[in-house]
Amino acid sequence: MKVLHTSDWHLGQQFYEHDRRDEHAAFFTWLLSTLVEQHIDILLVAGDIYHTATPSASAENQLYQFIKDAKKRCPQLHVVIIAGNHDSANRILAALPLLAQFDTHVVGRFDITNPANTVIEINTQNKRAVIVAMPFLRTSDISSLSHTKNGPSYTQGVEKAYKLALEHAYSINAQNSPLIVMGHLHAKGGDISSDSERNLVIGGEESISANVFGSQADYVALGHLHKAQQVAKKDVIRYSGTPIPMSFSERKYTHQVNVVEFKNDEKQSISTSVNPLYIPRSAEVIILPEGECVPLSELCEQIKALDTSQHTIAPYLRVKLKSSDTDTTFREQIEQALEGKHIKFCGIERVREQTTTSDNCAVFEDLSEIEMLNPLNLLEQAFANDKDMAGQTVPDELKTLLNDVISELTEQAQL
């Protein structure tokens, strides 16, 4: 049996107000050909199908058209999709009756009263697999599993949720079929992108040990972290990463999907091989200058020297400039350098020079960076900067209250 693992498509993302439909269309064209060439039996999509909980009609149409095309090209293909932290569970589940017609299985939410709902049996062309399709777990989904004598523990709730689902998967897998575990979370040790992956839970509990996936899984297909990587140094526990860069910090990532093949030997034990396939990048992501800031005149020369004539889809460009170089004409000079260029311009990042007398307070020239911060860090900064609170740590009760507020706001966003 051959499985293709992908995740974090983020359909509908506006990248500095630029639409990315063409890039996703190019990825889907490549993916369709790959499904056919590799003779894939099951396509796994490990969460964050959409970029927001309320995707545009065009983003939803792009997903449905891809599934329709995939099923037409690969009639025996099954697709398994789990909701990520960017997705609305209700929104994804609403399409379940439609997607089921295309052998597409969707799990939007974990139900503690019926953990079997996250376990999927797939039979295709005399091949069978058991899949624990665990979506992103919100604190409200696992609140009754999270109680400890020291208060709620998100980590414990996640562990118990996986345990319940795995117990059911073990009970129905007497045939020793390949067991696949899916998840959308931040596994301990995973390398996180600096400006496009929000912490899933505040208070330092977002990192989950790989032990939650059990000891019997033949492959663990994860989503959320945008960099393709192994977890706990195990070849069969992996993030596939995003198919396209979601931020400028991801411009040097190598984007891929993982083709996973399961084989039975003479003793009927299952061996797993993982083969990454690299996705061609349809739109480049460029920062100028690459290193330290240069004078405005030199920056403009670098912009003029860019050759974008070979790009079918216009590359993205963001420039860095010292604050001292931002006189009254700097924007006009940059716009003149950009004239005639096949480029999607993504603004100017002003870099403030460091002085020996400056304090350690964080300075944000680009306000978009603030929303990526962990809310707890902001609370701790507020305590540190308040003259009446200086030197004090944030009380646990206040951390819990903040966590509750974040959870409630997140739930409201899914309605």
Foldseek 3Di string as FASTA:
>chain_A
DKEWFAEQQAQQDQFLNNHCVVQSVQQLVVVLVVCLVVVHAEYEYQANLHQAQDHDPVSVVVVVVSLVSSCVSRVNHAYEYEYELRYQLVVVVVCQVVCVVSNYHYGYAAAPVCLCSQWDWDATPNAIEIERNHHEYFCVRQVVQQDDPVGGAPQRSLLVSLVVNVVVSVVPVPVQHAYEYGYEFAAPPDDAQQFDAAQRFPDPRRHYHPCSNPDRHQAYRYDRGQAWDAGPPDPRYIYQHYLADPDLSCQPGFHWMKMKDWDADPVRHIHIDIDTDTHDRQAHEDEPPPDDADALVVRLVVLLPDDQPPHPQAHEYEYEHEPVRPDPCSVVSNVVSCPPHSHDYNYYAYDYDDDPPDDPDDDHSPVSRVVRDRVLVVVQVVLCPDPVNNPHDDDPVVSVVVRVVVSVVSVVSSD
